[in-house]
């Protein structure tokens, strides 16, 4: 996990915090949303249009500066549904 954390810190991979006790890593370092299944805990990439507008929207009522975001959807995957 040290090497994965190092790669994450270098921006080569993405570390995903899903709210469970384990760490998840994604080889796709480009910002994109994820889906986490509440039943089997599978983590999937989601293909969606560019969501950079969320940073702008969040900055409108925030005194600081939003630089990035992580978007995770939770539910049941197709297999568990």
N, C-alpha and C. Protein backbone atom coordinates (compact mmCIF):
# COMPACT_ATOMS: atom_id res chain seq x y z
N UNK A 1 0.82 -1.20 0.00
CA UNK A 1 0.00 0.00 0.00
C UNK A 1 0.86 1.27 0.00
N UNK A 2 2.10 1.16 0.45
CA UNK A 2 2.97 2.34 0.43
C UNK A 2 3.19 2.82 -0.99
N UNK A 3 3.42 1.87 -1.92
CA UNK A 3 3.65 2.25 -3.31
C UNK A 3 2.39 2.85 -3.93
N UNK A 4 1.23 2.29 -3.61
CA UNK A 4 -0.02 2.84 -4.12
C UNK A 4 -0.26 4.24 -3.58
N UNK A 5 0.01 4.44 -2.30
CA UNK A 5 -0.14 5.78 -1.71
C UNK A 5 0.83 6.76 -2.35
N UNK A 6 2.06 6.34 -2.61
CA UNK A 6 3.04 7.20 -3.28
C UNK A 6 2.55 7.58 -4.67
N UNK A 7 2.08 6.60 -5.44
CA UNK A 7 1.56 6.89 -6.79
C UNK A 7 0.36 7.82 -6.72
N UNK A 8 -0.48 7.65 -5.71
CA UNK A 8 -1.63 8.54 -5.53
C UNK A 8 -1.16 9.96 -5.23
N UNK A 9 -0.19 10.11 -4.35
CA UNK A 9 0.34 11.43 -4.01
C UNK A 9 1.00 12.10 -5.20
N UNK A 10 1.56 11.31 -6.12
CA UNK A 10 2.19 11.85 -7.33
C UNK A 10 1.17 12.15 -8.43
N UNK A 11 -0.09 11.75 -8.21
CA UNK A 11 -1.13 12.00 -9.19
C UNK A 11 -1.15 10.98 -10.32
N UNK A 12 -0.46 9.85 -10.15
CA UNK A 12 -0.42 8.82 -11.18
C UNK A 12 -1.64 7.90 -11.13
N UNK A 13 -2.20 7.74 -9.94
CA UNK A 13 -3.41 6.95 -9.75
C UNK A 13 -4.33 7.74 -8.82
N UNK A 14 -5.54 7.27 -8.67
CA UNK A 14 -6.52 7.97 -7.83
C UNK A 14 -6.86 7.11 -6.61
N UNK A 15 -6.80 7.70 -5.43
CA UNK A 15 -7.21 7.02 -4.20
C UNK A 15 -8.67 7.38 -3.96
N UNK A 16 -9.49 6.36 -3.73
CA UNK A 16 -10.93 6.57 -3.58
C UNK A 16 -11.33 6.20 -2.16
N UNK A 17 -11.89 7.15 -1.44
CA UNK A 17 -12.41 6.91 -0.10
C UNK A 17 -13.91 6.66 -0.22
N UNK A 18 -14.33 5.44 0.03
CA UNK A 18 -15.72 5.04 -0.18
C UNK A 18 -16.53 4.96 1.10
N UNK A 19 -15.92 5.28 2.22
CA UNK A 19 -16.65 5.22 3.47
C UNK A 19 -16.58 3.86 4.15
N UNK A 20 -15.93 2.90 3.51
CA UNK A 20 -15.73 1.62 4.18
C UNK A 20 -14.32 1.61 4.78
N UNK A 21 -13.93 0.56 5.40
CA UNK A 21 -12.66 0.52 6.11
C UNK A 21 -11.46 0.29 5.18
N UNK A 22 -11.70 -0.02 3.91
CA UNK A 22 -10.58 -0.32 3.02
C UNK A 22 -10.29 0.84 2.07
N UNK A 23 -9.07 0.82 1.52
CA UNK A 23 -8.67 1.83 0.56
C UNK A 23 -8.86 1.26 -0.85
N UNK A 24 -9.33 2.10 -1.75
CA UNK A 24 -9.53 1.70 -3.14
C UNK A 24 -8.66 2.60 -4.00
N UNK A 25 -8.08 2.03 -5.05
CA UNK A 25 -7.22 2.79 -5.95
C UNK A 25 -7.68 2.56 -7.38
N UNK A 26 -7.60 3.61 -8.19
CA UNK A 26 -8.03 3.57 -9.58
C UNK A 26 -6.85 3.99 -10.45
N UNK A 27 -6.53 3.18 -11.44
CA UNK A 27 -5.42 3.49 -12.34
C UNK A 27 -5.71 4.67 -13.25
N UNK A 28 -6.95 5.08 -13.37
CA UNK A 28 -7.33 6.24 -14.18
C UNK A 28 -7.24 7.48 -13.28
N UNK A 29 -6.19 8.26 -13.46
CA UNK A 29 -5.97 9.43 -12.60
C UNK A 29 -6.78 10.65 -13.01
N UNK A 30 -7.43 10.59 -14.17
CA UNK A 30 -8.25 11.72 -14.60
C UNK A 30 -9.49 11.80 -13.73
N UNK A 31 -9.94 13.01 -13.36
CA UNK A 31 -11.14 13.13 -12.53
C UNK A 31 -12.36 12.54 -13.22
N UNK A 32 -13.08 11.68 -12.51
CA UNK A 32 -14.31 11.08 -13.01
C UNK A 32 -15.07 10.52 -11.82
N UNK A 33 -16.39 10.41 -11.93
CA UNK A 33 -17.20 9.88 -10.82
C UNK A 33 -17.09 8.36 -10.73
N UNK A 34 -17.42 7.87 -9.55
CA UNK A 34 -17.42 6.43 -9.28
C UNK A 34 -18.76 6.00 -8.71
N UNK A 35 -19.03 4.70 -8.81
CA UNK A 35 -20.20 4.10 -8.21
C UNK A 35 -19.72 3.01 -7.25
N UNK A 36 -20.28 2.98 -6.03
CA UNK A 36 -19.96 1.96 -5.04
C UNK A 36 -21.24 1.20 -4.71
N UNK A 37 -21.18 -0.11 -4.86
CA UNK A 37 -22.33 -0.95 -4.54
C UNK A 37 -22.41 -1.15 -3.03
N UNK A 38 -23.54 -0.81 -2.45
CA UNK A 38 -23.74 -0.99 -1.00
C UNK A 38 -23.82 -2.45 -0.60
N UNK A 39 -24.05 -3.33 -1.57
CA UNK A 39 -24.21 -4.75 -1.26
C UNK A 39 -22.88 -5.51 -1.39
N UNK A 40 -22.26 -5.48 -2.56
CA UNK A 40 -21.03 -6.24 -2.79
C UNK A 40 -19.77 -5.39 -2.67
N UNK A 41 -19.91 -4.07 -2.52
CA UNK A 41 -18.83 -3.11 -2.33
C UNK A 41 -17.93 -2.94 -3.55
N UNK A 42 -18.41 -3.36 -4.70
CA UNK A 42 -17.68 -3.17 -5.95
C UNK A 42 -17.60 -1.68 -6.26
N UNK A 43 -16.46 -1.24 -6.77
CA UNK A 43 -16.27 0.16 -7.16
C UNK A 43 -16.12 0.20 -8.68
N UNK A 44 -16.94 0.98 -9.34
CA UNK A 44 -16.90 1.11 -10.80
C UNK A 44 -16.70 2.56 -11.20
N UNK A 45 -16.01 2.75 -12.33
CA UNK A 45 -15.93 4.07 -12.94
C UNK A 45 -17.27 4.37 -13.59
N UNK A 46 -17.66 5.63 -13.59
CA UNK A 46 -18.87 6.04 -14.29
C UNK A 46 -18.48 7.01 -15.40
N UNK A 47 -19.05 6.80 -16.56
CA UNK A 47 -18.80 7.71 -17.67
C UNK A 47 -19.89 8.76 -17.69
N UNK A 48 -19.49 10.00 -17.49
CA UNK A 48 -20.43 11.13 -17.49
C UNK A 48 -19.77 12.30 -18.19
N UNK A 49 -20.58 13.24 -18.62
CA UNK A 49 -20.02 14.46 -19.21
C UNK A 49 -19.17 15.18 -18.18
N UNK A 50 -18.38 16.11 -18.65
CA UNK A 50 -17.48 16.89 -17.79
C UNK A 50 -18.26 17.53 -16.64
N UNK A 51 -17.80 17.30 -15.43
CA UNK A 51 -18.47 17.83 -14.24
C UNK A 51 -17.68 18.94 -13.56
N UNK A 52 -16.76 19.57 -14.28
CA UNK A 52 -15.95 20.65 -13.70
C UNK A 52 -16.80 21.82 -13.23
N UNK A 53 -18.02 21.96 -13.79
CA UNK A 53 -18.89 23.05 -13.37
C UNK A 53 -19.23 22.95 -11.88
N UNK A 54 -19.11 21.74 -11.31
CA UNK A 54 -19.40 21.57 -9.88
C UNK A 54 -18.45 22.40 -9.02
N UNK A 55 -17.18 22.50 -9.44
CA UNK A 55 -16.23 23.35 -8.70
C UNK A 55 -16.67 24.80 -8.73
N UNK A 56 -17.11 25.27 -9.89
CA UNK A 56 -17.59 26.65 -10.01
C UNK A 56 -18.82 26.87 -9.16
N UNK A 57 -19.75 25.95 -9.21
CA UNK A 57 -20.98 26.03 -8.43
C UNK A 57 -20.67 26.05 -6.93
N UNK A 58 -19.78 25.18 -6.49
CA UNK A 58 -19.42 25.12 -5.07
C UNK A 58 -18.71 26.40 -4.62
N UNK A 59 -17.92 27.01 -5.50
CA UNK A 59 -17.19 28.23 -5.15
C UNK A 59 -18.10 29.45 -5.01
N UNK A 60 -19.31 29.40 -5.57
CA UNK A 60 -20.19 30.56 -5.53
C UNK A 60 -20.57 30.97 -4.12
N UNK A 61 -20.72 30.05 -3.21
CA UNK A 61 -21.16 30.37 -1.84
C UNK A 61 -20.12 29.92 -0.80
N UNK A 62 -18.86 29.87 -1.23
CA UNK A 62 -17.80 29.37 -0.36
C UNK A 62 -16.69 30.40 -0.28
N UNK A 63 -16.22 30.69 0.91
CA UNK A 63 -15.20 31.71 1.09
C UNK A 63 -13.81 31.28 0.67
N UNK A 64 -13.57 29.99 0.61
CA UNK A 64 -12.26 29.47 0.22
C UNK A 64 -12.21 29.26 -1.28
N UNK A 65 -11.35 28.36 -1.71
CA UNK A 65 -11.22 28.04 -3.12
C UNK A 65 -11.30 26.54 -3.31
N UNK A 66 -12.25 26.10 -4.11
CA UNK A 66 -12.39 24.69 -4.45
C UNK A 66 -11.44 24.41 -5.61
N UNK A 67 -10.58 23.42 -5.44
CA UNK A 67 -9.62 23.08 -6.49
C UNK A 67 -9.98 21.78 -7.21
N UNK A 68 -10.64 20.86 -6.52
CA UNK A 68 -11.06 19.62 -7.15
C UNK A 68 -12.17 19.01 -6.31
N UNK A 69 -12.79 17.97 -6.83
CA UNK A 69 -13.85 17.28 -6.09
C UNK A 69 -13.76 15.78 -6.39
N UNK A 70 -14.40 15.00 -5.56
CA UNK A 70 -14.52 13.57 -5.78
C UNK A 70 -16.00 13.23 -5.65
N UNK A 71 -16.55 12.65 -6.69
CA UNK A 71 -17.98 12.36 -6.72
C UNK A 71 -18.18 10.84 -6.71
N UNK A 72 -18.92 10.36 -5.70
CA UNK A 72 -19.18 8.94 -5.56
C UNK A 72 -20.69 8.73 -5.41
N UNK A 73 -21.24 7.88 -6.24
CA UNK A 73 -22.64 7.49 -6.14
C UNK A 73 -22.71 6.14 -5.44
N UNK A 74 -23.73 5.95 -4.59
CA UNK A 74 -23.91 4.71 -3.84
C UNK A 74 -25.27 4.11 -4.19
N UNK A 75 -25.33 2.80 -4.22
CA UNK A 75 -26.58 2.10 -4.50
C UNK A 75 -26.29 0.63 -4.69
N UNK A 76 -27.07 -0.02 -5.53
CA UNK A 76 -26.84 -1.42 -5.85
C UNK A 76 -26.43 -1.55 -7.30
N UNK A 77 -25.39 -2.32 -7.54
CA UNK A 77 -24.92 -2.54 -8.90
C UNK A 77 -25.93 -3.41 -9.66
N UNK A 78 -25.72 -3.54 -10.94
CA UNK A 78 -26.66 -4.30 -11.78
C UNK A 78 -26.76 -5.75 -11.32
N UNK A 79 -25.63 -6.34 -10.92
CA UNK A 79 -25.63 -7.74 -10.47
C UNK A 79 -26.40 -7.92 -9.16
N UNK A 80 -26.27 -6.98 -8.24
CA UNK A 80 -26.93 -7.08 -6.93
C UNK A 80 -28.38 -6.62 -6.95
N UNK A 81 -28.72 -5.84 -7.95
CA UNK A 81 -30.09 -5.32 -8.06
C UNK A 81 -31.08 -6.44 -8.23
